C-alpha atoms as a PDB file:
ATOM      1  CA  MET A   1      -5.599 -14.649  -4.077  1.00  0.00           C
ATOM      2  CA  THR A   2      -4.447 -17.234  -6.631  1.00  0.00           C
ATOM      3  CA  PHE A   3      -4.663 -16.552 -10.354  1.00  0.00           C
ATOM      4  CA  THR A   4      -4.677 -18.175 -13.773  1.00  0.00           C
ATOM      5  CA  LEU A   5      -2.661 -16.764 -16.662  1.00  0.00           C
ATOM      6  CA  THR A   6      -3.911 -17.288 -20.215  1.00  0.00           C
ATOM      7  CA  TYR A   7      -1.932 -16.170 -23.248  1.00  0.00           C
ATOM      8  CA  VAL A   8      -3.971 -14.084 -25.715  1.00  0.00           C
ATOM      9  CA  GLU A   9      -1.638 -12.714 -28.398  1.00  0.00           C
ATOM     10  CA  ARG A  10       1.535 -10.771 -29.099  1.00  0.00           C
ATOM     11  CA  PHE A  11       2.512  -7.791 -31.230  1.00  0.00           C
ATOM     12  CA  ASP A  12       5.769  -6.500 -32.703  1.00  0.00           C
ATOM     13  CA  ILE A  13       6.360  -2.942 -31.492  1.00  0.00           C
ATOM     14  CA  LYS A  14       9.847  -2.233 -32.830  1.00  0.00           C
ATOM     15  CA  ASN A  15      10.279   1.073 -34.657  1.00  0.00           C
ATOM     16  CA  GLU A  16      13.911   1.653 -35.572  1.00  0.00           C
ATOM     17  CA  ASP A  17      13.245   5.039 -37.180  1.00  0.00           C
ATOM     18  CA  LEU A  18      11.969   6.491 -33.898  1.00  0.00           C
ATOM     19  CA  GLY A  19      14.251   4.452 -31.646  1.00  0.00           C
ATOM     20  CA  LEU A  20      11.792   2.032 -30.072  1.00  0.00           C
ATOM     21  CA  THR A  21      14.068  -1.005 -30.206  1.00  0.00           C
ATOM     22  CA  GLU A  22      14.651  -2.119 -26.599  1.00  0.00           C
ATOM     23  CA  PRO A  23      11.440  -1.521 -24.607  1.00  0.00           C
ATOM     24  CA  SER A  24      12.292  -1.683 -20.917  1.00  0.00           C
ATOM     25  CA  GLY A  25       9.216  -0.600 -19.023  1.00  0.00           C
ATOM     26  CA  LEU A  26       5.451  -0.421 -19.322  1.00  0.00           C
ATOM     27  CA  ALA A  27       2.646   1.634 -17.748  1.00  0.00           C
ATOM     28  CA  LEU A  28      -1.096   1.602 -18.418  1.00  0.00           C
ATOM     29  CA  ALA A  29      -2.504   4.960 -19.535  1.00  0.00           C
ATOM     30  CA  PRO A  30      -5.550   6.400 -17.705  1.00  0.00           C
ATOM     31  CA  GLY A  31      -8.743   4.887 -19.075  1.00  0.00           C
ATOM     32  CA  GLY A  32      -6.856   1.787 -20.164  1.00  0.00           C
ATOM     33  CA  ASP A  33      -6.739   2.880 -23.820  1.00  0.00           C
ATOM     34  CA  GLY A  34      -2.980   2.597 -24.283  1.00  0.00           C
ATOM     35  CA  LEU A  35       0.428   2.121 -22.734  1.00  0.00           C
ATOM     36  CA  TRP A  36       3.527   4.185 -22.039  1.00  0.00           C
ATOM     37  CA  THR A  37       6.916   2.594 -22.634  1.00  0.00           C
ATOM     38  CA  ILE A  38      10.576   3.541 -22.884  1.00  0.00           C
ATOM     39  CA  SER A  39      13.587   2.196 -24.758  1.00  0.00           C
ATOM     40  CA  ASP A  40      16.751   2.167 -22.672  1.00  0.00           C
ATOM     41  CA  ASP A  41      18.946   3.012 -25.686  1.00  0.00           C
ATOM     42  CA  THR A  42      16.840   6.024 -26.724  1.00  0.00           C
ATOM     43  CA  LYS A  43      16.215   9.413 -25.096  1.00  0.00           C
ATOM     44  CA  ARG A  44      12.467   9.259 -25.632  1.00  0.00           C
ATOM     45  CA  VAL A  45       9.196   8.143 -24.034  1.00  0.00           C
ATOM     46  CA  PHE A  46       6.661   6.383 -26.272  1.00  0.00           C
ATOM     47  CA  ARG A  47       2.877   6.002 -26.240  1.00  0.00           C
ATOM     48  CA  ILE A  48       1.556   2.823 -27.847  1.00  0.00           C
ATOM     49  CA  GLY A  49      -1.879   1.318 -28.304  1.00  0.00           C
ATOM     50  CA  LEU A  50      -2.997  -1.947 -26.744  1.00  0.00           C
ATOM     51  CA  THR A  51      -2.058  -3.751 -29.947  1.00  0.00           C
ATOM     52  CA  GLY A  52       1.393  -2.195 -29.938  1.00  0.00           C
ATOM     53  CA  LYS A  53       0.778   0.483 -32.559  1.00  0.00           C
ATOM     54  CA  LEU A  54       2.934   3.543 -31.917  1.00  0.00           C
ATOM     55  CA  ARG A  55       0.943   6.708 -31.279  1.00  0.00           C
ATOM     56  CA  ARG A  56       2.569   9.472 -33.259  1.00  0.00           C
ATOM     57  CA  ILE A  57       2.124  12.200 -30.687  1.00  0.00           C
ATOM     58  CA  ARG A  58       4.583  15.031 -30.209  1.00  0.00           C
ATOM     59  CA  PRO A  59       7.978  13.478 -29.271  1.00  0.00           C
ATOM     60  CA  PHE A  60       8.527  13.183 -25.536  1.00  0.00           C
ATOM     61  CA  LYS A  61      12.273  13.465 -25.075  1.00  0.00           C
ATOM     62  CA  VAL A  62      14.340  12.918 -21.929  1.00  0.00           C
ATOM     63  CA  PRO A  63      17.860  14.251 -21.230  1.00  0.00           C
ATOM     64  CA  LYS A  64      19.714  10.921 -21.174  1.00  0.00           C
ATOM     65  CA  LYS A  65      19.483   7.321 -22.263  1.00  0.00           C
ATOM     66  CA  GLY A  66      19.260   4.436 -19.832  1.00  0.00           C
ATOM     67  CA  LEU A  67      15.718   4.719 -18.485  1.00  0.00           C
ATOM     68  CA  GLU A  68      14.477   1.313 -17.378  1.00  0.00           C
ATOM     69  CA  GLY A  69      11.092   1.403 -15.650  1.00  0.00           C
ATOM     70  CA  ILE A  70       8.058   3.655 -15.974  1.00  0.00           C
ATOM     71  CA  THR A  71       4.778   4.229 -14.136  1.00  0.00           C
ATOM     72  CA  ILE A  72       1.970   6.787 -14.106  1.00  0.00           C
ATOM     73  CA  GLU A  73       0.678   8.470 -10.962  1.00  0.00           C
ATOM     74  CA  PRO A  74      -3.047   8.410 -10.069  1.00  0.00           C
ATOM     75  CA  THR A  75      -4.060  11.767 -11.603  1.00  0.00           C
ATOM     76  CA  GLY A  76      -2.591  10.802 -14.956  1.00  0.00           C
ATOM     77  CA  ALA A  77      -0.636  14.053 -15.196  1.00  0.00           C
ATOM     78  CA  PHE A  78       2.819  12.689 -14.432  1.00  0.00           C
ATOM     79  CA  LEU A  79       4.997   9.739 -15.271  1.00  0.00           C
ATOM     80  CA  PHE A  80       7.833   8.472 -13.109  1.00  0.00           C
ATOM     81  CA  ALA A  81      10.831   6.617 -14.520  1.00  0.00           C
ATOM     82  CA  VAL A  82      14.104   5.241 -13.152  1.00  0.00           C
ATOM     83  CA  ARG A  83      17.688   5.204 -14.417  1.00  0.00           C
ATOM     84  CA  GLU A  84      19.682   2.134 -13.483  1.00  0.00           C
ATOM     85  CA  GLU A  85      23.118   3.721 -13.805  1.00  0.00           C
ATOM     86  CA  ASN A  86      22.759   6.195 -10.941  1.00  0.00           C
ATOM     87  CA  ASN A  87      19.564   4.949  -9.240  1.00  0.00           C
ATOM     88  CA  ARG A  88      17.742   8.156 -10.047  1.00  0.00           C
ATOM     89  CA  VAL A  89      13.973   8.648 -10.102  1.00  0.00           C
ATOM     90  CA  LEU A  90      12.605  11.128 -12.655  1.00  0.00           C
ATOM     91  CA  LYS A  91       9.233  12.852 -12.660  1.00  0.00           C
ATOM     92  CA  LEU A  92       7.890  13.731 -16.112  1.00  0.00           C
ATOM     93  CA  ASP A  93       5.072  16.145 -16.868  1.00  0.00           C
ATOM     94  CA  ILE A  94       2.987  14.601 -19.664  1.00  0.00           C
ATOM     95  CA  ALA A  95       1.375  17.860 -20.796  1.00  0.00           C
ATOM     96  CA  LYS A  96       4.687  19.738 -20.914  1.00  0.00           C
ATOM     97  CA  ARG A  97       6.608  16.739 -22.309  1.00  0.00           C
ATOM     98  CA  ALA A  98       9.405  17.528 -19.883  1.00  0.00           C
ATOM     99  CA  VAL A  99      11.307  16.232 -16.865  1.00  0.00           C
ATOM    100  CA  VAL A 100      10.211  18.406 -13.935  1.00  0.00           C
ATOM    101  CA  GLU A 101      12.105  16.703 -11.112  1.00  0.00           C
ATOM    102  CA  LYS A 102      14.833  14.130 -10.614  1.00  0.00           C
ATOM    103  CA  ARG A 103      16.463  12.733  -7.513  1.00  0.00           C
ATOM    104  CA  ARG A 104      18.838   9.903  -6.683  1.00  0.00           C
ATOM    105  CA  LEU A 105      17.961   7.432  -3.984  1.00  0.00           C
ATOM    106  CA  ALA A 106      21.146   8.521  -2.191  1.00  0.00           C
ATOM    107  CA  GLN A 107      19.689  12.050  -1.888  1.00  0.00           C
ATOM    108  CA  MET A 108      16.525  10.858  -0.139  1.00  0.00           C
ATOM    109  CA  ALA A 109      16.013  10.768   3.605  1.00  0.00           C
ATOM    110  CA  GLY A 110      16.299   7.210   4.894  1.00  0.00           C
ATOM    111  CA  PHE A 111      18.801   6.049   2.273  1.00  0.00           C
ATOM    112  CA  GLY A 112      21.233   5.041   5.015  1.00  0.00           C
ATOM    113  CA  LYS A 113      19.093   2.001   5.799  1.00  0.00           C
ATOM    114  CA  ILE A 114      19.609   0.549   2.314  1.00  0.00           C
ATOM    115  CA  ALA A 115      22.941   2.090   1.300  1.00  0.00           C
ATOM    116  CA  ARG A 116      24.835  -1.164   1.881  1.00  0.00           C
ATOM    117  CA  HIS A 117      22.768  -2.840  -0.844  1.00  0.00           C
ATOM    118  CA  PHE A 118      23.849  -0.387  -3.523  1.00  0.00           C
ATOM    119  CA  GLY A 119      27.648  -0.268  -3.237  1.00  0.00           C
ATOM    120  CA  ASP A 120      28.840   2.186  -5.868  1.00  0.00           C
ATOM    121  CA  GLU A 121      25.213   3.175  -6.536  1.00  0.00           C
ATOM    122  CA  GLY A 122      24.294  -0.222  -7.930  1.00  0.00           C
ATOM    123  CA  GLY A 123      26.226  -0.585 -11.199  1.00  0.00           C
ATOM    124  CA  ASN A 124      24.275  -2.779 -13.586  1.00  0.00           C
ATOM    125  CA  LYS A 125      22.142  -4.165 -10.770  1.00  0.00           C
ATOM    126  CA  GLY A 126      20.451  -0.902  -9.860  1.00  0.00           C
ATOM    127  CA  LEU A 127      16.873   0.308 -10.249  1.00  0.00           C
ATOM    128  CA  GLU A 128      15.025  -1.540 -12.988  1.00  0.00           C
ATOM    129  CA  GLY A 129      11.359  -0.791 -12.407  1.00  0.00           C
ATOM    130  CA  ILE A 130       8.905   1.499 -10.648  1.00  0.00           C
ATOM    131  CA  ALA A 131       5.229   1.306  -9.684  1.00  0.00           C
ATOM    132  CA  SER A 132       2.696   3.761  -8.322  1.00  0.00           C
ATOM    133  CA  ASN A 133       0.236   2.678  -5.632  1.00  0.00           C
ATOM    134  CA  ALA A 134      -2.832   4.926  -5.522  1.00  0.00           C
ATOM    135  CA  GLN A 135      -3.993   3.309  -2.291  1.00  0.00           C
ATOM    136  CA  THR A 136      -0.889   4.355  -0.360  1.00  0.00           C
ATOM    137  CA  GLY A 137      -0.038   7.410  -2.475  1.00  0.00           C
ATOM    138  CA  THR A 138       3.555   6.228  -2.714  1.00  0.00           C
ATOM    139  CA  LEU A 139       6.012   4.862  -5.277  1.00  0.00           C
ATOM    140  CA  PHE A 140       7.752   1.496  -5.226  1.00  0.00           C
ATOM    141  CA  ALA A 141      11.125   1.211  -6.969  1.00  0.00           C
ATOM    142  CA  LEU A 142      12.530  -2.190  -7.931  1.00  0.00           C
ATOM    143  CA  LYS A 143      16.238  -3.066  -7.766  1.00  0.00           C
ATOM    144  CA  GLU A 144      17.294  -5.754 -10.233  1.00  0.00           C
ATOM    145  CA  GLY A 145      19.618  -7.808  -8.047  1.00  0.00           C
ATOM    146  CA  LEU A 146      22.663  -8.201  -5.790  1.00  0.00           C
ATOM    147  CA  PRO A 147      20.333  -8.161  -3.895  1.00  0.00           C
ATOM    148  CA  GLY A 148      16.864  -7.617  -5.276  1.00  0.00           C
ATOM    149  CA  LEU A 149      14.962  -4.932  -3.400  1.00  0.00           C
ATOM    150  CA  ILE A 150      11.606  -3.196  -3.483  1.00  0.00           C
ATOM    151  CA  VAL A 151      11.853   0.306  -2.026  1.00  0.00           C
ATOM    152  CA  GLU A 152       8.863   2.433  -1.001  1.00  0.00           C
ATOM    153  CA  ILE A 153       9.346   6.151  -1.755  1.00  0.00           C
ATOM    154  CA  SER A 154       7.206   9.179  -0.930  1.00  0.00           C
ATOM    155  CA  ALA A 155       5.491  10.766  -3.936  1.00  0.00           C
ATOM    156  CA  ASP A 156       7.571  13.948  -3.542  1.00  0.00           C
ATOM    157  CA  LEU A 157      10.762  11.877  -3.909  1.00  0.00           C
ATOM    158  CA  ALA A 158      12.000  13.159  -0.553  1.00  0.00           C
ATOM    159  CA  THR A 159      11.910  10.085   1.667  1.00  0.00           C
ATOM    160  CA  ILE A 160      12.494   6.338   1.568  1.00  0.00           C
ATOM    161  CA  LEU A 161       9.667   4.930   3.682  1.00  0.00           C
ATOM    162  CA  GLY A 162      10.536   1.243   3.746  1.00  0.00           C
ATOM    163  CA  HIS A 163      11.994  -1.661   1.815  1.00  0.00           C
ATOM    164  CA  ARG A 164      11.924  -5.426   1.399  1.00  0.00           C
ATOM    165  CA  ARG A 165      14.741  -7.704   0.262  1.00  0.00           C
ATOM    166  CA  LEU A 166      13.629 -10.104  -2.478  1.00  0.00           C
ATOM    167  CA  GLY A 167      14.840 -13.653  -2.981  1.00  0.00           C
ATOM    168  CA  ALA A 168      14.141 -17.350  -2.602  1.00  0.00           C
ATOM    169  CA  ARG A 169      13.229 -16.972   1.061  1.00  0.00           C
ATOM    170  CA  ASN A 170      10.079 -15.033   0.188  1.00  0.00           C
ATOM    171  CA  GLY A 171       9.119 -17.135  -2.816  1.00  0.00           C
ATOM    172  CA  PHE A 172      11.001 -15.872  -5.870  1.00  0.00           C
ATOM    173  CA  THR A 173      11.927 -19.335  -7.118  1.00  0.00           C
ATOM    174  CA  VAL A 174      11.645 -21.361 -10.330  1.00  0.00           C
ATOM    175  CA  PRO A 175       9.945 -24.748  -9.794  1.00  0.00           C
ATOM    176  CA  GLY A 176      12.080 -27.589 -11.110  1.00  0.00           C
ATOM    177  CA  ALA A 177      15.092 -25.331 -11.620  1.00  0.00           C
ATOM    178  CA  PRO A 178      16.671 -24.652  -8.210  1.00  0.00           C
ATOM    179  CA  GLY A 179      19.862 -23.372  -9.855  1.00  0.00           C
ATOM    180  CA  VAL A 180      18.065 -20.496 -11.572  1.00  0.00           C
ATOM    181  CA  LYS A 181      18.064 -17.313  -9.502  1.00  0.00           C
ATOM    182  CA  ALA A 182      15.378 -14.788 -10.262  1.00  0.00           C
ATOM    183  CA  ASP A 183      16.204 -11.192 -11.001  1.00  0.00           C
ATOM    184  CA  TYR A 184      13.616  -8.399 -10.945  1.00  0.00           C
ATOM    185  CA  SER A 185      13.047  -6.503 -14.169  1.00  0.00           C
ATOM    186  CA  GLY A 186       9.562  -4.992 -14.089  1.00  0.00           C
ATOM    187  CA  ILE A 187       6.790  -4.132 -11.627  1.00  0.00           C
ATOM    188  CA  CYS A 188       3.243  -2.772 -11.459  1.00  0.00           C
ATOM    189  CA  TYR A 189       0.567  -2.580  -8.772  1.00  0.00           C
ATOM    190  CA  ASP A 190      -2.720  -4.481  -8.895  1.00  0.00           C
ATOM    191  CA  PRO A 191      -5.354  -2.617  -6.799  1.00  0.00           C
ATOM    192  CA  THR A 192      -7.825  -5.504  -7.021  1.00  0.00           C
ATOM    193  CA  ARG A 193      -5.431  -7.909  -5.318  1.00  0.00           C
ATOM    194  CA  ARG A 194      -3.545  -5.269  -3.311  1.00  0.00           C
ATOM    195  CA  ALA A 195      -0.293  -6.798  -4.510  1.00  0.00           C
ATOM    196  CA  PHE A 196       2.448  -6.275  -7.084  1.00  0.00           C
ATOM    197  CA  TRP A 197       3.025  -8.053 -10.361  1.00  0.00           C
ATOM    198  CA  ILE A 198       6.779  -8.541 -10.813  1.00  0.00           C
ATOM    199  CA  VAL A 199       8.473 -10.036 -13.892  1.00  0.00           C
ATOM    200  CA  SER A 200      11.885 -11.679 -13.957  1.00  0.00           C
ATOM    201  CA  ASP A 201      13.769 -11.882 -17.248  1.00  0.00           C
ATOM    202  CA  LYS A 202      16.189 -14.556 -15.986  1.00  0.00           C
ATOM    203  CA  ALA A 203      13.500 -16.750 -14.457  1.00  0.00           C
ATOM    204  CA  LYS A 204      11.108 -16.010 -17.353  1.00  0.00           C
ATOM    205  CA  ARG A 205       8.332 -15.846 -14.785  1.00  0.00           C
ATOM    206  CA  LEU A 206       5.610 -13.620 -13.435  1.00  0.00           C
ATOM    207  CA  PHE A 207       5.230 -13.294  -9.666  1.00  0.00           C
ATOM    208  CA  LEU A 208       2.342 -11.914  -7.629  1.00  0.00           C
ATOM    209  CA  TYR A 209       3.984 -10.404  -4.549  1.00  0.00           C
ATOM    210  CA  ASP A 210       2.343  -9.096  -1.357  1.00  0.00           C
ATOM    211  CA  PHE A 211       4.478  -6.303   0.118  1.00  0.00           C
ATOM    212  CA  ASP A 212       2.757  -6.329   3.516  1.00  0.00           C
ATOM    213  CA  SER A 213       3.289 -10.038   4.172  1.00  0.00           C
ATOM    214  CA  ASP A 214       6.590 -10.015   2.232  1.00  0.00           C
ATOM    215  CA  ARG A 215       5.829 -13.136   0.242  1.00  0.00           C
ATOM    216  CA  VAL A 216       5.083 -14.371  -3.254  1.00  0.00           C
ATOM    217  CA  VAL A 217       1.448 -15.427  -3.429  1.00  0.00           C
ATOM    218  CA  GLN A 218       1.888 -17.301  -6.705  1.00  0.00           C
ATOM    219  CA  GLY A 219       4.153 -17.491  -9.730  1.00  0.00           C
ATOM    220  CA  ALA A 220       3.618 -18.483 -13.365  1.00  0.00           C
ATOM    221  CA  ALA A 221       5.811 -19.082 -16.402  1.00  0.00           C
ATOM    222  CA  LEU A 222       5.728 -16.303 -19.004  1.00  0.00           C
ATOM    223  CA  GLY A 223       5.018 -18.627 -21.894  1.00  0.00           C
ATOM    224  CA  TYR A 224       3.027 -18.714 -25.099  1.00  0.00           C
ATOM    225  CA  GLU A 225       2.277 -20.957 -28.072  1.00  0.00           C
ATOM    226  CA  ASP A 226       3.824 -19.801 -31.345  1.00  0.00           C
ATOM    227  CA  GLU A 227       2.394 -20.169 -34.859  1.00  0.00           C
ATOM    228  CA  ASP A 228       3.811 -23.691 -35.161  1.00  0.00           C
ATOM    229  CA  GLY A 229       2.200 -24.813 -31.926  1.00  0.00           C
ATOM    230  CA  ALA A 230       5.482 -24.880 -29.994  1.00  0.00           C
ATOM    231  CA  TYR A 231       5.539 -23.641 -26.409  1.00  0.00           C
ATOM    232  CA  ARG A 232       8.076 -20.881 -25.811  1.00  0.00           C
ATOM    233  CA  LEU A 233       9.090 -18.549 -23.011  1.00  0.00           C
ATOM    234  CA  ILE A 234       9.423 -14.780 -23.357  1.00  0.00           C
ATOM    235  CA  GLU A 235      13.016 -13.597 -23.694  1.00  0.00           C
ATOM    236  CA  LYS A 236      13.994 -10.683 -21.432  1.00  0.00           C
ATOM    237  CA  ALA A 237      10.624  -9.602 -20.071  1.00  0.00           C
ATOM    238  CA  GLU A 238      11.374  -6.110 -18.742  1.00  0.00           C
ATOM    239  CA  GLY A 239       8.050  -4.391 -18.276  1.00  0.00           C
ATOM    240  CA  VAL A 240       4.583  -5.266 -16.993  1.00  0.00           C
ATOM    241  CA  ALA A 241       1.266  -3.417 -16.769  1.00  0.00           C
ATOM    242  CA  PHE A 242      -2.133  -4.568 -15.528  1.00  0.00           C
ATOM    243  CA  ASP A 243      -5.617  -3.301 -16.366  1.00  0.00           C
ATOM    244  CA  PRO A 244      -7.928  -4.108 -13.410  1.00  0.00           C
ATOM    245  CA  SER A 245     -11.055  -3.239 -15.399  1.00  0.00           C
ATOM    246  CA  SER A 246     -10.433  -5.882 -18.064  1.00  0.00           C
ATOM    247  CA  GLY A 247      -8.193  -8.304 -16.196  1.00  0.00           C
ATOM    248  CA  ARG A 248      -5.607  -7.936 -18.946  1.00  0.00           C
ATOM    249  CA  LEU A 249      -1.899  -8.122 -18.219  1.00  0.00           C
ATOM    250  CA  TYR A 250       0.674  -6.714 -20.651  1.00  0.00           C
ATOM    251  CA  VAL A 251       4.334  -7.745 -20.764  1.00  0.00           C
ATOM    252  CA  VAL A 252       7.013  -6.184 -22.936  1.00  0.00           C
ATOM    253  CA  SER A 253      10.157  -7.966 -24.124  1.00  0.00           C
ATOM    254  CA  ASP A 254      13.393  -5.993 -24.415  1.00  0.00           C
ATOM    255  CA  ALA A 255      15.164  -8.579 -26.595  1.00  0.00           C
ATOM    256  CA  GLU A 256      12.239  -9.209 -28.934  1.00  0.00           C
ATOM    257  CA  ALA A 257      10.661  -5.730 -28.951  1.00  0.00           C
ATOM    258  CA  ARG A 258       7.262  -7.366 -28.575  1.00  0.00           C
ATOM    259  CA  LEU A 259       4.174  -6.725 -26.488  1.00  0.00           C
ATOM    260  CA  TYR A 260       2.538  -9.833 -24.995  1.00  0.00           C
ATOM    261  CA  VAL A 261      -1.070  -9.874 -23.814  1.00  0.00           C
ATOM    262  CA  TYR A 262      -2.508 -12.218 -21.166  1.00  0.00           C
ATOM    263  CA  ASP A 263      -5.846 -12.645 -19.445  1.00  0.00           C
ATOM    264  CA  VAL A 264      -5.644 -12.985 -15.673  1.00  0.00           C
ATOM    265  CA  GLY A 265      -8.367 -15.013 -14.037  1.00  0.00           C
ATOM    266  CA  PRO A 266      -9.206 -16.031 -10.463  1.00  0.00           C
END
């Protein structure tokens, strides 16, 4: 289940007028014709094309700022997002452009098993990403650090079904830089590999992680060649989406407000 990662291109997606300045999550739209993203300093959800062009659909507003991760459930009717500040999961109806449900992890059955990892509900190391797995019918929320966690949640947001603690012991390391500790800033599910793509903004890496075996299968630097031919790493990668039909992987940078495109090969 190894992979190759080939940089294709990148696009500026910043739109200050509409508030898309700090993209912090990414989700592939049904049919693979676009992406959903959020900006953690703006109370709005955005739809962009695969080249980063903002789709000027009716504004999709949310009650508060601070959303970090976003995913779409299998039917394509609902989005799920997380707020880091209070570790809350929100369900958003795309057709109604409205939040239809929201629940904190602490309100879910089974929270007692992971409560010790959240302290005062996580602070600035709370939920940072979320992924939907059509094969299990469940959601997987990602905690940024102290410690890093991946938490499996029932689709009705009622129950925490399981969790894994993430760290060096299961492969989240940076080759040649043992002093760099990975954090966990974005996640999506790859049905072709039955594993999760996880990005780390501190490590500037992409990891392919198998939840069942609780290990990183492979990692790769999130790099690219700029116009001058210099090799650079993405600053603050905070969202990732994968299109299994094309083998394309999309990464969004919070600091740069850019969308990066990669081809994933065997």
